Amino acid sequence: MIDTSAVKGTLVDSNPVVVNVSGRRPPVAVWVNPEAGDTVRVEYQIDSAAPWRAWGQDDVTAYADDVIDRPIGRLRFTRISGAGTTSAFGVR
């Protein structure tokens, strides 16, 4: 069974956005589209007790996507530099 539900959002400030994906079956497709001048970090956790791990790419300054092909519990998107208010992210 493939999970076709999608989550999209915007990073309006430097506060991290955490998305619970524990009910999804792998693979989980993740994308991020930083506003010009912004840098966004994407991390995941296996479960809430596990440390955060970087996704398959480094911090990004331009559109990037990746597929995480293992069970994960949560994703965290953080604008780590820049002052934009429209950096976007999504999970599907």
N, C-alpha and C. Protein backbone atom coordinates (compact mmCIF):
# COMPACT_ATOMS: atom_id res chain seq x y z
N MET A 1 0.84 -1.18 0.00
CA MET A 1 0.00 0.00 0.00
C MET A 1 0.89 1.24 0.00
N ILE A 2 0.58 2.21 -0.83
CA ILE A 2 1.35 3.45 -0.91
C ILE A 2 0.55 4.56 -0.24
N ASP A 3 1.21 5.30 0.62
CA ASP A 3 0.57 6.43 1.28
C ASP A 3 0.61 7.62 0.33
N THR A 4 -0.55 8.07 -0.13
CA THR A 4 -0.60 9.16 -1.09
C THR A 4 -0.93 10.50 -0.43
N SER A 5 -1.07 10.52 0.89
CA SER A 5 -1.34 11.80 1.55
C SER A 5 -0.08 12.66 1.50
N ALA A 6 -0.27 13.94 1.37
CA ALA A 6 0.86 14.85 1.26
C ALA A 6 0.76 15.93 2.33
N VAL A 7 1.92 16.40 2.76
CA VAL A 7 2.01 17.50 3.70
C VAL A 7 2.87 18.57 3.06
N LYS A 8 2.40 19.82 3.07
CA LYS A 8 3.20 20.93 2.57
C LYS A 8 3.14 22.06 3.60
N GLY A 9 4.19 22.85 3.64
CA GLY A 9 4.21 23.97 4.57
C GLY A 9 5.23 25.01 4.17
N THR A 10 5.27 26.07 4.98
CA THR A 10 6.18 27.18 4.76
C THR A 10 6.93 27.49 6.03
N LEU A 11 8.22 27.76 5.91
CA LEU A 11 9.04 28.17 7.04
C LEU A 11 9.02 29.69 7.10
N VAL A 12 8.21 30.24 7.98
CA VAL A 12 8.05 31.70 8.03
C VAL A 12 9.09 32.37 8.92
N ASP A 13 9.80 31.59 9.72
CA ASP A 13 10.86 32.12 10.58
C ASP A 13 11.85 31.00 10.85
N SER A 14 12.72 31.19 11.83
CA SER A 14 13.75 30.19 12.08
C SER A 14 13.31 29.09 13.04
N ASN A 15 12.05 29.08 13.47
CA ASN A 15 11.56 28.01 14.34
C ASN A 15 11.38 26.73 13.53
N PRO A 16 11.88 25.60 14.03
CA PRO A 16 11.74 24.34 13.29
C PRO A 16 10.27 23.92 13.18
N VAL A 17 9.97 23.24 12.09
CA VAL A 17 8.66 22.63 11.90
C VAL A 17 8.88 21.12 11.92
N VAL A 18 8.16 20.43 12.80
CA VAL A 18 8.29 18.98 12.93
C VAL A 18 7.04 18.32 12.36
N VAL A 19 7.23 17.35 11.49
CA VAL A 19 6.14 16.64 10.84
C VAL A 19 6.19 15.18 11.27
N ASN A 20 5.10 14.70 11.86
CA ASN A 20 5.01 13.30 12.27
C ASN A 20 4.70 12.45 11.04
N VAL A 21 5.58 11.51 10.75
CA VAL A 21 5.38 10.61 9.62
C VAL A 21 5.40 9.15 10.06
N SER A 22 5.18 8.92 11.34
CA SER A 22 5.31 7.56 11.89
C SER A 22 4.32 6.58 11.29
N GLY A 23 3.19 7.04 10.78
CA GLY A 23 2.21 6.14 10.20
C GLY A 23 2.44 5.82 8.74
N ARG A 24 3.44 6.42 8.15
CA ARG A 24 3.70 6.20 6.72
C ARG A 24 4.62 5.00 6.52
N ARG A 25 4.37 4.31 5.45
CA ARG A 25 5.27 3.22 5.07
C ARG A 25 6.30 3.76 4.11
N PRO A 26 7.54 3.30 4.21
CA PRO A 26 8.57 3.75 3.28
C PRO A 26 8.20 3.33 1.86
N PRO A 27 8.66 4.05 0.88
CA PRO A 27 9.54 5.22 0.98
C PRO A 27 8.76 6.50 1.28
N VAL A 28 9.47 7.46 1.87
CA VAL A 28 8.91 8.78 2.16
C VAL A 28 9.67 9.79 1.29
N ALA A 29 8.94 10.46 0.40
CA ALA A 29 9.55 11.48 -0.47
C ALA A 29 9.51 12.82 0.26
N VAL A 30 10.64 13.50 0.27
CA VAL A 30 10.79 14.77 0.99
C VAL A 30 11.36 15.81 0.03
N TRP A 31 10.82 17.03 0.08
CA TRP A 31 11.38 18.10 -0.74
C TRP A 31 11.43 19.39 0.07
N VAL A 32 12.32 20.28 -0.34
CA VAL A 32 12.45 21.59 0.28
C VAL A 32 12.84 22.58 -0.80
N ASN A 33 12.26 23.78 -0.71
CA ASN A 33 12.53 24.82 -1.71
C ASN A 33 12.81 26.13 -0.97
N PRO A 34 14.07 26.37 -0.59
CA PRO A 34 14.42 27.59 0.15
C PRO A 34 14.21 28.85 -0.69
N GLU A 35 13.75 29.90 -0.02
CA GLU A 35 13.67 31.22 -0.65
C GLU A 35 15.10 31.68 -0.94
N ALA A 36 15.27 32.53 -1.93
CA ALA A 36 16.59 33.06 -2.25
C ALA A 36 17.23 33.66 -1.01
N GLY A 37 18.45 33.27 -0.72
CA GLY A 37 19.17 33.77 0.45
C GLY A 37 18.98 32.94 1.71
N ASP A 38 18.07 31.96 1.68
CA ASP A 38 17.83 31.10 2.85
C ASP A 38 18.60 29.80 2.72
N THR A 39 18.90 29.21 3.87
CA THR A 39 19.46 27.86 3.94
C THR A 39 18.55 27.05 4.85
N VAL A 40 18.15 25.87 4.40
CA VAL A 40 17.23 25.02 5.16
C VAL A 40 17.91 23.69 5.47
N ARG A 41 17.73 23.26 6.70
CA ARG A 41 18.23 21.95 7.16
C ARG A 41 17.05 21.00 7.30
N VAL A 42 17.22 19.77 6.82
CA VAL A 42 16.20 18.74 6.95
C VAL A 42 16.81 17.58 7.72
N GLU A 43 16.08 17.14 8.75
CA GLU A 43 16.55 16.02 9.58
C GLU A 43 15.40 15.07 9.84
N TYR A 44 15.73 13.84 10.22
CA TYR A 44 14.69 12.87 10.58
C TYR A 44 15.07 12.13 11.85
N GLN A 45 14.06 11.56 12.50
CA GLN A 45 14.24 10.70 13.66
C GLN A 45 13.59 9.35 13.38
N ILE A 46 14.21 8.30 13.86
CA ILE A 46 13.62 6.97 13.76
C ILE A 46 12.43 6.89 14.72
N ASP A 47 12.63 7.36 15.94
CA ASP A 47 11.56 7.48 16.93
C ASP A 47 11.89 8.65 17.85
N SER A 48 10.98 8.99 18.75
CA SER A 48 11.16 10.21 19.55
C SER A 48 12.34 10.15 20.51
N ALA A 49 12.87 8.97 20.79
CA ALA A 49 14.02 8.85 21.68
C ALA A 49 15.35 8.86 20.92
N ALA A 50 15.28 8.77 19.62
CA ALA A 50 16.50 8.69 18.80
C ALA A 50 17.02 10.10 18.49
N PRO A 51 18.31 10.21 18.21
CA PRO A 51 18.85 11.52 17.81
C PRO A 51 18.35 11.91 16.42
N TRP A 52 18.35 13.21 16.16
CA TRP A 52 18.03 13.70 14.81
C TRP A 52 19.19 13.38 13.89
N ARG A 53 18.88 12.97 12.66
CA ARG A 53 19.90 12.65 11.66
C ARG A 53 19.66 13.49 10.41
N ALA A 54 20.73 13.89 9.76
CA ALA A 54 20.60 14.63 8.51
C ALA A 54 19.99 13.74 7.44
N TRP A 55 19.17 14.31 6.58
CA TRP A 55 18.62 13.55 5.47
C TRP A 55 19.72 13.29 4.45
N GLY A 56 19.41 12.78 3.29
CA GLY A 56 20.42 12.39 2.32
C GLY A 56 21.18 13.52 1.67
N GLN A 57 20.83 14.76 1.97
CA GLN A 57 21.51 15.92 1.39
C GLN A 57 22.02 16.79 2.54
N ASP A 58 22.96 17.66 2.23
CA ASP A 58 23.41 18.62 3.24
C ASP A 58 22.37 19.72 3.37
N ASP A 59 22.69 20.75 4.15
CA ASP A 59 21.83 21.93 4.22
C ASP A 59 21.69 22.48 2.81
N VAL A 60 20.50 22.94 2.45
CA VAL A 60 20.25 23.30 1.06
C VAL A 60 19.90 24.78 0.90
N THR A 61 20.32 25.33 -0.23
CA THR A 61 20.03 26.73 -0.56
C THR A 61 19.19 26.84 -1.83
N ALA A 62 18.89 25.74 -2.46
CA ALA A 62 18.06 25.69 -3.67
C ALA A 62 17.21 24.42 -3.59
N TYR A 63 16.22 24.33 -4.45
CA TYR A 63 15.32 23.17 -4.42
C TYR A 63 16.10 21.86 -4.35
N ALA A 64 15.65 20.98 -3.48
CA ALA A 64 16.24 19.64 -3.37
C ALA A 64 15.15 18.67 -2.95
N ASP A 65 15.30 17.43 -3.36
CA ASP A 65 14.38 16.39 -2.90
C ASP A 65 15.15 15.11 -2.68
N ASP A 66 14.54 14.22 -1.93
CA ASP A 66 15.18 12.95 -1.63
C ASP A 66 14.10 11.97 -1.21
N VAL A 67 14.47 10.71 -1.19
CA VAL A 67 13.56 9.65 -0.75
C VAL A 67 14.23 8.94 0.42
N ILE A 68 13.51 8.85 1.52
CA ILE A 68 13.99 8.11 2.69
C ILE A 68 13.30 6.76 2.65
N ASP A 69 14.09 5.71 2.48
CA ASP A 69 13.51 4.39 2.25
C ASP A 69 13.57 3.47 3.46
N ARG A 70 13.47 4.08 4.62
CA ARG A 70 13.42 3.30 5.86
C ARG A 70 12.32 3.87 6.73
N PRO A 71 11.80 3.11 7.66
CA PRO A 71 10.77 3.66 8.55
C PRO A 71 11.34 4.79 9.40
N ILE A 72 10.63 5.90 9.45
CA ILE A 72 11.03 7.03 10.28
C ILE A 72 9.82 7.53 11.05
N GLY A 73 10.09 8.25 12.14
CA GLY A 73 9.00 8.76 12.97
C GLY A 73 8.65 10.21 12.70
N ARG A 74 9.69 11.05 12.55
CA ARG A 74 9.44 12.48 12.39
C ARG A 74 10.47 13.10 11.47
N LEU A 75 10.06 14.18 10.82
CA LEU A 75 10.94 15.02 10.01
C LEU A 75 10.97 16.40 10.62
N ARG A 76 12.12 17.05 10.56
CA ARG A 76 12.25 18.41 11.08
C ARG A 76 12.87 19.30 9.99
N PHE A 77 12.19 20.41 9.70
CA PHE A 77 12.64 21.39 8.71
C PHE A 77 12.97 22.67 9.46
N THR A 78 14.19 23.20 9.26
CA THR A 78 14.62 24.41 9.98
C THR A 78 15.32 25.36 9.02
N ARG A 79 14.86 26.61 8.99
CA ARG A 79 15.60 27.64 8.24
C ARG A 79 16.75 28.07 9.13
N ILE A 80 17.99 27.74 8.75
CA ILE A 80 19.13 28.01 9.63
C ILE A 80 19.85 29.30 9.30
N SER A 81 19.56 29.87 8.12
CA SER A 81 20.09 31.19 7.81
C SER A 81 19.19 31.86 6.79
N GLY A 82 19.29 33.18 6.74
CA GLY A 82 18.45 33.95 5.84
C GLY A 82 17.27 34.55 6.61
N ALA A 83 16.56 35.43 5.94
CA ALA A 83 15.44 36.13 6.58
C ALA A 83 14.15 35.98 5.79
N GLY A 84 14.11 35.05 4.84
CA GLY A 84 12.91 34.87 4.03
C GLY A 84 11.75 34.32 4.84
N THR A 85 10.57 34.46 4.28
CA THR A 85 9.36 33.96 4.94
C THR A 85 8.58 33.01 4.06
N THR A 86 9.17 32.57 2.95
CA THR A 86 8.43 31.70 2.03
C THR A 86 9.18 30.42 1.65
N SER A 87 10.20 30.04 2.40
CA SER A 87 10.85 28.76 2.13
C SER A 87 9.83 27.65 2.34
N ALA A 88 9.70 26.75 1.36
CA ALA A 88 8.66 25.74 1.41
C ALA A 88 9.25 24.35 1.62
N PHE A 89 8.40 23.46 2.15
CA PHE A 89 8.81 22.07 2.34
C PHE A 89 7.60 21.17 2.09
N GLY A 90 7.89 19.90 1.87
CA GLY A 90 6.80 18.97 1.68
C GLY A 90 7.23 17.53 1.88
N VAL A 91 6.22 16.71 2.15
CA VAL A 91 6.41 15.26 2.36
C VAL A 91 5.30 14.57 1.59
N ARG A 92 5.65 13.52 0.88
CA ARG A 92 4.61 12.74 0.21
C ARG A 92 5.02 11.28 0.14
